[in-house]
Amino acid sequence: MAARQRRLRSSTVVLGSMGVLAVAITSCGSEPDKRCADRSTRETLPSSECRTGGTGTYYYGGSKSQGKVGGGSFDKSAVDRGGFGCSGSGGG
C-alpha cells in the first residue's frame, strides 16, 4: 500500500513539473502588447497610422483607457517581457 501511494505521489510531482516547464517555455518568447498611439497626446490611433508614412508610433505594454494609452512605453525594450527563467535583455 505504501509503495502505491509513493508511486502516485511521484506521478503527480512529474506531471506538475511538466506543466510548470511548459508555462516557462511558452512565456519566454512572448511579445508585449502594442497599440498605435500619438506620441504627444497618447491617444490611440488606427494601426494603419503606425505604418510607413503614418503619424502614429507603437506603444508597448500598459493599457488603454478612455481612448488613451498608459502604463507602458514607446520604447519596446523598456517593456519587453522576459518570462520565467529568461534573461531580462529580451527574449526569443
C-alpha atoms as a PDB file:
ATOM      1  CA  MET A   1       0.000   0.000   0.000  1.00  0.00           C
ATOM      2  CA  ALA A   2       2.807   2.456   0.876  1.00  0.00           C
ATOM      3  CA  ALA A   3       4.584   1.704  -2.427  1.00  0.00           C
ATOM      4  CA  ARG A   4       1.403   2.506  -4.380  1.00  0.00           C
ATOM      5  CA  GLN A   5       0.942   5.862  -2.588  1.00  0.00           C
ATOM      6  CA  ARG A   6       4.569   6.725  -3.237  1.00  0.00           C
ATOM      7  CA  ARG A   7       4.153   5.912  -6.948  1.00  0.00           C
ATOM      8  CA  LEU A   8       1.023   8.097  -7.212  1.00  0.00           C
ATOM      9  CA  ARG A   9       2.763  10.954  -5.454  1.00  0.00           C
ATOM     10  CA  SER A  10       5.740  10.660  -7.827  1.00  0.00           C
ATOM     11  CA  SER A  11       3.433  10.781 -10.856  1.00  0.00           C
ATOM     12  CA  THR A  12       1.752  13.906  -9.507  1.00  0.00           C
ATOM     13  CA  VAL A  13       5.107  15.623  -8.982  1.00  0.00           C
ATOM     14  CA  VAL A  14       6.270  14.701 -12.501  1.00  0.00           C
ATOM     15  CA  LEU A  15       3.045  15.919 -14.128  1.00  0.00           C
ATOM     16  CA  GLY A  16       3.075  19.135 -12.118  1.00  0.00           C
ATOM     17  CA  SER A  17       6.692  19.784 -13.053  1.00  0.00           C
ATOM     18  CA  MET A  18       5.896  19.268 -16.744  1.00  0.00           C
ATOM     19  CA  GLY A  19       3.137  21.895 -16.501  1.00  0.00           C
ATOM     20  CA  VAL A  20       5.481  24.430 -14.920  1.00  0.00           C
ATOM     21  CA  LEU A  21       8.104  23.735 -17.590  1.00  0.00           C
ATOM     22  CA  ALA A  22       5.554  24.201 -20.389  1.00  0.00           C
ATOM     23  CA  VAL A  23       4.461  27.568 -18.980  1.00  0.00           C
ATOM     24  CA  ALA A  24       8.079  28.704 -18.632  1.00  0.00           C
ATOM     25  CA  ILE A  25       8.914  27.791 -22.218  1.00  0.00           C
ATOM     26  CA  THR A  26       5.866  29.455 -23.747  1.00  0.00           C
ATOM     27  CA  SER A  27       6.157  32.654 -21.712  1.00  0.00           C
ATOM     28  CA  CYS A  28       9.821  33.091 -22.574  1.00  0.00           C
ATOM     29  CA  GLY A  29       9.204  34.284 -26.132  1.00  0.00           C
ATOM     30  CA  SER A  30       6.093  36.353 -25.518  1.00  0.00           C
ATOM     31  CA  GLU A  31       5.918  39.805 -27.036  1.00  0.00           C
ATOM     32  CA  PRO A  32       4.464  42.778 -25.166  1.00  0.00           C
ATOM     33  CA  ASP A  33       1.122  44.150 -26.352  1.00  0.00           C
ATOM     34  CA  LYS A  34       1.427  47.004 -28.800  1.00  0.00           C
ATOM     35  CA  ARG A  35      -1.014  49.723 -29.772  1.00  0.00           C
ATOM     36  CA  CYS A  36      -0.734  52.551 -32.252  1.00  0.00           C
ATOM     37  CA  ALA A  37      -0.819  55.938 -30.486  1.00  0.00           C
ATOM     38  CA  ASP A  38       0.048  59.593 -30.909  1.00  0.00           C
ATOM     39  CA  ARG A  39       3.342  60.251 -29.116  1.00  0.00           C
ATOM     40  CA  SER A  40       2.363  63.666 -27.733  1.00  0.00           C
ATOM     41  CA  THR A  41      -1.309  63.113 -26.782  1.00  0.00           C
ATOM     42  CA  ARG A  42      -1.134  59.343 -26.115  1.00  0.00           C
ATOM     43  CA  GLU A  43      -4.464  58.941 -27.927  1.00  0.00           C
ATOM     44  CA  THR A  44      -4.934  55.599 -29.654  1.00  0.00           C
ATOM     45  CA  LEU A  45      -4.902  55.618 -33.446  1.00  0.00           C
ATOM     46  CA  PRO A  46      -5.788  53.056 -36.124  1.00  0.00           C
ATOM     47  CA  SER A  47      -2.890  50.637 -36.738  1.00  0.00           C
ATOM     48  CA  SER A  48      -2.566  51.999 -40.290  1.00  0.00           C
ATOM     49  CA  GLU A  49      -1.218  55.235 -38.727  1.00  0.00           C
ATOM     50  CA  CYS A  50       1.816  53.340 -37.390  1.00  0.00           C
ATOM     51  CA  ARG A  51       2.848  52.022 -40.784  1.00  0.00           C
ATOM     52  CA  THR A  52       5.345  53.849 -43.000  1.00  0.00           C
ATOM     53  CA  GLY A  53       4.320  57.460 -43.508  1.00  0.00           C
ATOM     54  CA  GLY A  54       1.710  57.457 -40.731  1.00  0.00           C
ATOM     55  CA  THR A  55       1.574  59.847 -37.806  1.00  0.00           C
ATOM     56  CA  GLY A  56       1.430  57.195 -35.069  1.00  0.00           C
ATOM     57  CA  THR A  57       4.051  55.309 -33.099  1.00  0.00           C
ATOM     58  CA  TYR A  58       3.706  51.888 -31.479  1.00  0.00           C
ATOM     59  CA  TYR A  59       3.131  51.972 -27.720  1.00  0.00           C
ATOM     60  CA  TYR A  60       4.201  48.769 -25.934  1.00  0.00           C
ATOM     61  CA  GLY A  61       2.676  47.212 -22.841  1.00  0.00           C
ATOM     62  CA  GLY A  62       0.427  49.116 -20.491  1.00  0.00           C
ATOM     63  CA  SER A  63      -3.277  49.504 -21.100  1.00  0.00           C
ATOM     64  CA  LYS A  64      -5.840  51.616 -22.899  1.00  0.00           C
ATOM     65  CA  SER A  65      -8.424  53.671 -21.021  1.00  0.00           C
ATOM     66  CA  GLN A  66     -10.796  56.301 -22.407  1.00  0.00           C
ATOM     67  CA  GLY A  67      -9.027  56.266 -25.769  1.00  0.00           C
ATOM     68  CA  LYS A  68      -5.532  56.852 -24.335  1.00  0.00           C
ATOM     69  CA  VAL A  69      -2.612  54.555 -23.548  1.00  0.00           C
ATOM     70  CA  GLY A  70      -0.739  54.451 -20.250  1.00  0.00           C
ATOM     71  CA  GLY A  71       1.462  52.283 -18.056  1.00  0.00           C
ATOM     72  CA  GLY A  72       3.773  51.224 -20.902  1.00  0.00           C
ATOM     73  CA  SER A  73       6.371  52.829 -23.138  1.00  0.00           C
ATOM     74  CA  PHE A  74       7.045  53.877 -26.714  1.00  0.00           C
ATOM     75  CA  ASP A  75      10.376  52.052 -26.254  1.00  0.00           C
ATOM     76  CA  LYS A  76       9.784  48.318 -26.803  1.00  0.00           C
ATOM     77  CA  SER A  77      12.937  47.278 -24.933  1.00  0.00           C
ATOM     78  CA  ALA A  78      11.680  49.053 -21.807  1.00  0.00           C
ATOM     79  CA  VAL A  79       8.700  46.682 -21.525  1.00  0.00           C
ATOM     80  CA  ASP A  80       9.909  43.516 -23.284  1.00  0.00           C
ATOM     81  CA  ARG A  81       8.793  40.559 -21.219  1.00  0.00           C
ATOM     82  CA  GLY A  82      11.474  38.165 -20.109  1.00  0.00           C
ATOM     83  CA  GLY A  83       9.224  35.445 -18.727  1.00  0.00           C
ATOM     84  CA  PHE A  84      10.105  32.892 -16.052  1.00  0.00           C
ATOM     85  CA  GLY A  85      13.679  31.717 -16.402  1.00  0.00           C
ATOM     86  CA  CYS A  86      14.572  34.062 -19.266  1.00  0.00           C
ATOM     87  CA  SER A  87      17.158  36.790 -19.271  1.00  0.00           C
ATOM     88  CA  GLY A  88      15.894  40.352 -18.911  1.00  0.00           C
ATOM     89  CA  SER A  89      17.730  41.503 -22.026  1.00  0.00           C
ATOM     90  CA  GLY A  90      14.937  40.347 -24.335  1.00  0.00           C
ATOM     91  CA  GLY A  91      13.572  37.016 -25.308  1.00  0.00           C
ATOM     92  CA  GLY A  92      13.380  34.779 -28.288  1.00  0.00           C
END
